[in-house]
Amino acid sequence: MEEQERTKVLDRVKEIITNDQGVIVKIDEWGKKRLAFEIADALDGFYFVLYFEATPKTLDEVTRVLKITDIVLRVMPIRHEKPFGFKQPAAAAAEEV
């Protein structure tokens, strides 16, 4: 998968979240990793972990879009009842001052 394709998918997910008044808390890019088993003739994949706060409807839409995107091999949505405990970027900057 090209860098440009990955960026395009990630930008689409960010757009879905922010358009529904969701907040992206953190994005972890793990990079290229070996898959546990072959998926669609692929042995390696790029891993991303997105932490965001949004409505269940938004999570369902993000999951739907990722599942129908050809370059995405697997999606694992996890819903948390409590906030992650991460500080928002603006809040973290305000506390440092």
C-alpha atoms as a PDB file:
ATOM      1  CA  MET A   1       0.000   0.000   0.000  1.00  0.00           C
ATOM      2  CA  GLU A   2       1.364   3.394  -0.971  1.00  0.00           C
ATOM      3  CA  GLU A   3       1.793   6.190   1.570  1.00  0.00           C
ATOM      4  CA  GLN A   4      -0.663   8.313  -0.405  1.00  0.00           C
ATOM      5  CA  GLU A   5      -3.378   5.630  -0.208  1.00  0.00           C
ATOM      6  CA  ARG A   6      -2.917   5.205   3.541  1.00  0.00           C
ATOM      7  CA  THR A   7      -3.086   8.962   4.058  1.00  0.00           C
ATOM      8  CA  LYS A   8      -6.251   9.165   1.971  1.00  0.00           C
ATOM      9  CA  VAL A   9      -8.011   6.485   4.057  1.00  0.00           C
ATOM     10  CA  LEU A  10      -6.858   8.062   7.326  1.00  0.00           C
ATOM     11  CA  ASP A  11      -8.045  11.504   6.176  1.00  0.00           C
ATOM     12  CA  ARG A  12     -11.446  10.033   5.253  1.00  0.00           C
ATOM     13  CA  VAL A  13     -11.809   8.517   8.730  1.00  0.00           C
ATOM     14  CA  LYS A  14     -10.796  11.811  10.382  1.00  0.00           C
ATOM     15  CA  GLU A  15     -13.366  13.634   8.247  1.00  0.00           C
ATOM     16  CA  ILE A  16     -16.167  11.262   9.273  1.00  0.00           C
ATOM     17  CA  ILE A  17     -15.328  11.682  12.962  1.00  0.00           C
ATOM     18  CA  THR A  18     -15.001  15.471  12.940  1.00  0.00           C
ATOM     19  CA  ASN A  19     -18.082  16.026  10.753  1.00  0.00           C
ATOM     20  CA  ASP A  20     -20.182  14.259  13.407  1.00  0.00           C
ATOM     21  CA  GLN A  21     -18.742  16.494  16.178  1.00  0.00           C
ATOM     22  CA  GLY A  22     -16.412  13.715  17.314  1.00  0.00           C
ATOM     23  CA  VAL A  23     -12.978  14.383  18.749  1.00  0.00           C
ATOM     24  CA  ILE A  24      -9.839  12.551  17.691  1.00  0.00           C
ATOM     25  CA  VAL A  25      -7.873  11.996  20.879  1.00  0.00           C
ATOM     26  CA  LYS A  26      -4.817  10.143  19.600  1.00  0.00           C
ATOM     27  CA  ILE A  27      -3.555   8.373  16.491  1.00  0.00           C
ATOM     28  CA  ASP A  28      -0.863   5.719  16.877  1.00  0.00           C
ATOM     29  CA  GLU A  29       0.850   4.706  13.664  1.00  0.00           C
ATOM     30  CA  TRP A  30       2.547   1.403  14.380  1.00  0.00           C
ATOM     31  CA  GLY A  31       3.959   1.100  10.892  1.00  0.00           C
ATOM     32  CA  LYS A  32       4.536  -2.007   8.824  1.00  0.00           C
ATOM     33  CA  LYS A  33       4.250  -5.277  10.749  1.00  0.00           C
ATOM     34  CA  ARG A  34       4.213  -8.937   9.868  1.00  0.00           C
ATOM     35  CA  LEU A  35       0.700 -10.430   9.889  1.00  0.00           C
ATOM     36  CA  ALA A  36       0.011 -13.455  12.061  1.00  0.00           C
ATOM     37  CA  PHE A  37      -1.304 -15.243   8.974  1.00  0.00           C
ATOM     38  CA  GLU A  38      -1.725 -14.461   5.301  1.00  0.00           C
ATOM     39  CA  ILE A  39      -4.717 -12.285   4.467  1.00  0.00           C
ATOM     40  CA  ALA A  40      -5.661 -11.743   0.808  1.00  0.00           C
ATOM     41  CA  ASP A  41      -2.159 -12.800  -0.316  1.00  0.00           C
ATOM     42  CA  ALA A  42      -0.568 -10.222   2.021  1.00  0.00           C
ATOM     43  CA  LEU A  43       2.080 -11.144   4.574  1.00  0.00           C
ATOM     44  CA  ASP A  44       2.683  -7.614   5.940  1.00  0.00           C
ATOM     45  CA  GLY A  45       0.362  -4.769   6.816  1.00  0.00           C
ATOM     46  CA  PHE A  46       0.383  -1.230   8.170  1.00  0.00           C
ATOM     47  CA  TYR A  47      -1.208  -0.842  11.575  1.00  0.00           C
ATOM     48  CA  PHE A  48      -3.006   2.232  12.895  1.00  0.00           C
ATOM     49  CA  VAL A  49      -4.773   2.688  16.228  1.00  0.00           C
ATOM     50  CA  LEU A  50      -7.217   5.593  16.470  1.00  0.00           C
ATOM     51  CA  TYR A  51      -8.585   6.789  19.795  1.00  0.00           C
ATOM     52  CA  PHE A  52     -11.582   9.062  19.412  1.00  0.00           C
ATOM     53  CA  GLU A  53     -14.700  10.161  21.223  1.00  0.00           C
ATOM     54  CA  ALA A  54     -17.886  10.105  19.187  1.00  0.00           C
ATOM     55  CA  THR A  55     -21.419   8.797  19.097  1.00  0.00           C
ATOM     56  CA  PRO A  56     -22.108   5.118  18.456  1.00  0.00           C
ATOM     57  CA  LYS A  57     -23.510   6.159  15.063  1.00  0.00           C
ATOM     58  CA  THR A  58     -20.137   7.681  14.132  1.00  0.00           C
ATOM     59  CA  LEU A  59     -18.255   4.543  15.176  1.00  0.00           C
ATOM     60  CA  ASP A  60     -20.623   2.455  13.078  1.00  0.00           C
ATOM     61  CA  GLU A  61     -20.031   4.715  10.065  1.00  0.00           C
ATOM     62  CA  VAL A  62     -16.239   4.599  10.466  1.00  0.00           C
ATOM     63  CA  THR A  63     -16.395   0.803  10.727  1.00  0.00           C
ATOM     64  CA  ARG A  64     -18.660   0.550   7.679  1.00  0.00           C
ATOM     65  CA  VAL A  65     -16.393   2.741   5.538  1.00  0.00           C
ATOM     66  CA  LEU A  66     -13.249   0.860   6.565  1.00  0.00           C
ATOM     67  CA  LYS A  67     -14.852  -2.536   5.886  1.00  0.00           C
ATOM     68  CA  ILE A  68     -15.786  -1.570   2.310  1.00  0.00           C
ATOM     69  CA  THR A  69     -12.391   0.010   1.580  1.00  0.00           C
ATOM     70  CA  ASP A  70     -10.419  -2.463  -0.524  1.00  0.00           C
ATOM     71  CA  ILE A  71      -6.969  -1.650   0.862  1.00  0.00           C
ATOM     72  CA  VAL A  72      -8.047  -2.219   4.496  1.00  0.00           C
ATOM     73  CA  LEU A  73      -7.515  -5.846   5.483  1.00  0.00           C
ATOM     74  CA  ARG A  74      -9.003  -5.893   8.988  1.00  0.00           C
ATOM     75  CA  VAL A  75     -10.916  -3.552  11.303  1.00  0.00           C
ATOM     76  CA  MET A  76     -11.392  -4.002  15.042  1.00  0.00           C
ATOM     77  CA  PRO A  77     -13.683  -1.384  16.601  1.00  0.00           C
ATOM     78  CA  ILE A  78     -13.751  -1.344  20.388  1.00  0.00           C
ATOM     79  CA  ARG A  79     -16.201   0.751  22.379  1.00  0.00           C
ATOM     80  CA  HIS A  80     -15.156   2.081  25.767  1.00  0.00           C
ATOM     81  CA  GLU A  81     -17.717   3.259  28.288  1.00  0.00           C
ATOM     82  CA  LYS A  82     -15.276   5.547  30.098  1.00  0.00           C
ATOM     83  CA  PRO A  83     -13.020   8.221  28.563  1.00  0.00           C
ATOM     84  CA  PHE A  84      -9.497   7.147  27.660  1.00  0.00           C
ATOM     85  CA  GLY A  85      -7.828   9.505  30.101  1.00  0.00           C
ATOM     86  CA  PHE A  86      -5.765  11.132  27.354  1.00  0.00           C
ATOM     87  CA  LYS A  87      -5.481  14.894  27.561  1.00  0.00           C
ATOM     88  CA  GLN A  88      -6.818  16.879  24.642  1.00  0.00           C
ATOM     89  CA  PRO A  89      -3.997  18.677  22.786  1.00  0.00           C
ATOM     90  CA  ALA A  90      -5.392  22.131  23.640  1.00  0.00           C
ATOM     91  CA  ALA A  91      -6.005  21.168  27.275  1.00  0.00           C
ATOM     92  CA  ALA A  92      -2.520  19.705  27.632  1.00  0.00           C
ATOM     93  CA  ALA A  93      -0.948  22.875  26.229  1.00  0.00           C
ATOM     94  CA  ALA A  94      -3.007  25.041  28.601  1.00  0.00           C
ATOM     95  CA  GLU A  95      -1.870  23.009  31.633  1.00  0.00           C
ATOM     96  CA  GLU A  96       1.810  23.383  30.669  1.00  0.00           C
ATOM     97  CA  VAL A  97       1.617  27.186  30.783  1.00  0.00           C
END
